[in-house]
Amino acid sequence: MTETKHPEATRFALLYTTNSPVDAEGIATLLASEGIEAFPINKKDSAYIFGEIELYVNQNELQRAIELLESNHIR
């Protein structure tokens, strides 16, 4: 059996990486206020407290999300 991908399948792009859960949540909230959904992936190791949180957005929204972060002096 072969897997068929939908031609309009959503692809995600990495927008931002941080060590701070507070920063990740703040940026996700900023993006949401402009209608851009962000998907955080927490890669922090809870036992040793290292690693990062990555924020992903729909690839079609990436440029707009970058511009929003830059206009808010986030980068």
C-alpha atoms as a PDB file:
ATOM      1  CA  MET A   1       0.000   0.000   0.000  1.00  0.00           C
ATOM      2  CA  THR A   2       1.396   3.415  -0.942  1.00  0.00           C
ATOM      3  CA  GLU A   3       0.880   6.602   0.993  1.00  0.00           C
ATOM      4  CA  THR A   4      -0.777   9.417  -0.935  1.00  0.00           C
ATOM      5  CA  LYS A   5      -0.144  12.967   0.179  1.00  0.00           C
ATOM      6  CA  HIS A   6      -2.826  15.572  -0.206  1.00  0.00           C
ATOM      7  CA  PRO A   7      -1.613  18.178  -2.752  1.00  0.00           C
ATOM      8  CA  GLU A   8      -2.366  20.990  -0.304  1.00  0.00           C
ATOM      9  CA  ALA A   9      -0.856  19.290   2.744  1.00  0.00           C
ATOM     10  CA  THR A  10       0.217  21.835   5.336  1.00  0.00           C
ATOM     11  CA  ARG A  11       3.931  22.253   5.737  1.00  0.00           C
ATOM     12  CA  PHE A  12       5.471  23.916   8.733  1.00  0.00           C
ATOM     13  CA  ALA A  13       8.571  26.073   8.987  1.00  0.00           C
ATOM     14  CA  LEU A  14      10.731  26.858  11.988  1.00  0.00           C
ATOM     15  CA  LEU A  15      10.219  30.494  12.938  1.00  0.00           C
ATOM     16  CA  TYR A  16      11.914  30.958  16.312  1.00  0.00           C
ATOM     17  CA  THR A  17      14.003  29.119  18.883  1.00  0.00           C
ATOM     18  CA  THR A  18      14.313  30.053  22.550  1.00  0.00           C
ATOM     19  CA  ASN A  19      15.303  28.626  25.907  1.00  0.00           C
ATOM     20  CA  SER A  20      12.483  30.452  27.678  1.00  0.00           C
ATOM     21  CA  PRO A  21       8.960  29.014  27.892  1.00  0.00           C
ATOM     22  CA  VAL A  22       7.735  32.524  28.769  1.00  0.00           C
ATOM     23  CA  ASP A  23       9.243  33.986  25.585  1.00  0.00           C
ATOM     24  CA  ALA A  24       7.787  31.160  23.482  1.00  0.00           C
ATOM     25  CA  GLU A  25       4.316  31.730  24.930  1.00  0.00           C
ATOM     26  CA  GLY A  26       4.562  35.499  24.458  1.00  0.00           C
ATOM     27  CA  ILE A  27       5.578  35.152  20.825  1.00  0.00           C
ATOM     28  CA  ALA A  28       2.846  32.574  20.178  1.00  0.00           C
ATOM     29  CA  THR A  29       0.314  34.998  21.696  1.00  0.00           C
ATOM     30  CA  LEU A  30       1.596  37.873  19.540  1.00  0.00           C
ATOM     31  CA  LEU A  31       1.317  35.725  16.426  1.00  0.00           C
ATOM     32  CA  ALA A  32      -2.181  34.549  17.379  1.00  0.00           C
ATOM     33  CA  SER A  33      -3.299  38.181  17.798  1.00  0.00           C
ATOM     34  CA  GLU A  34      -2.487  38.600  14.094  1.00  0.00           C
ATOM     35  CA  GLY A  35      -4.189  35.369  13.053  1.00  0.00           C
ATOM     36  CA  ILE A  36      -1.012  33.289  12.747  1.00  0.00           C
ATOM     37  CA  GLU A  37      -1.113  29.966  14.571  1.00  0.00           C
ATOM     38  CA  ALA A  38       2.188  28.919  16.143  1.00  0.00           C
ATOM     39  CA  PHE A  39       3.050  25.380  17.160  1.00  0.00           C
ATOM     40  CA  PRO A  40       5.631  25.090  19.963  1.00  0.00           C
ATOM     41  CA  ILE A  41       7.807  22.007  20.158  1.00  0.00           C
ATOM     42  CA  ASN A  42       9.473  21.715  23.557  1.00  0.00           C
ATOM     43  CA  LYS A  43      12.841  19.997  23.192  1.00  0.00           C
ATOM     44  CA  LYS A  44      13.996  20.854  26.705  1.00  0.00           C
ATOM     45  CA  ASP A  45      15.193  17.955  28.809  1.00  0.00           C
ATOM     46  CA  SER A  46      13.260  18.205  32.062  1.00  0.00           C
ATOM     47  CA  ALA A  47      15.846  16.312  34.078  1.00  0.00           C
ATOM     48  CA  TYR A  48      18.839  18.462  33.080  1.00  0.00           C
ATOM     49  CA  ILE A  49      17.061  21.684  32.006  1.00  0.00           C
ATOM     50  CA  PHE A  50      18.828  22.087  28.685  1.00  0.00           C
ATOM     51  CA  GLY A  51      17.530  22.223  25.163  1.00  0.00           C
ATOM     52  CA  GLU A  52      15.263  24.633  23.355  1.00  0.00           C
ATOM     53  CA  ILE A  53      11.680  25.381  22.480  1.00  0.00           C
ATOM     54  CA  GLU A  54      11.019  25.724  18.764  1.00  0.00           C
ATOM     55  CA  LEU A  55       8.075  27.666  17.343  1.00  0.00           C
ATOM     56  CA  TYR A  56       6.740  26.547  13.992  1.00  0.00           C
ATOM     57  CA  VAL A  57       4.226  28.278  11.721  1.00  0.00           C
ATOM     58  CA  ASN A  58       2.484  27.309   8.515  1.00  0.00           C
ATOM     59  CA  GLN A  59       5.005  27.735   5.711  1.00  0.00           C
ATOM     60  CA  ASN A  60       2.546  30.015   3.900  1.00  0.00           C
ATOM     61  CA  GLU A  61       2.568  32.377   6.915  1.00  0.00           C
ATOM     62  CA  LEU A  62       6.337  32.355   7.513  1.00  0.00           C
ATOM     63  CA  GLN A  63       7.214  35.658   5.828  1.00  0.00           C
ATOM     64  CA  ARG A  64       4.367  37.511   7.522  1.00  0.00           C
ATOM     65  CA  ALA A  65       5.386  36.000  10.893  1.00  0.00           C
ATOM     66  CA  ILE A  66       9.014  37.073  10.399  1.00  0.00           C
ATOM     67  CA  GLU A  67       7.907  40.604   9.556  1.00  0.00           C
ATOM     68  CA  LEU A  68       5.698  40.697  12.654  1.00  0.00           C
ATOM     69  CA  LEU A  69       8.574  39.619  14.903  1.00  0.00           C
ATOM     70  CA  GLU A  70      10.933  42.136  13.317  1.00  0.00           C
ATOM     71  CA  SER A  71       8.417  44.974  13.670  1.00  0.00           C
ATOM     72  CA  ASN A  72       8.255  44.111  17.384  1.00  0.00           C
ATOM     73  CA  HIS A  73      12.075  43.975  17.661  1.00  0.00           C
ATOM     74  CA  ILE A  74      12.106  40.207  18.226  1.00  0.00           C
ATOM     75  CA  ARG A  75      14.796  38.174  16.537  1.00  0.00           C
END
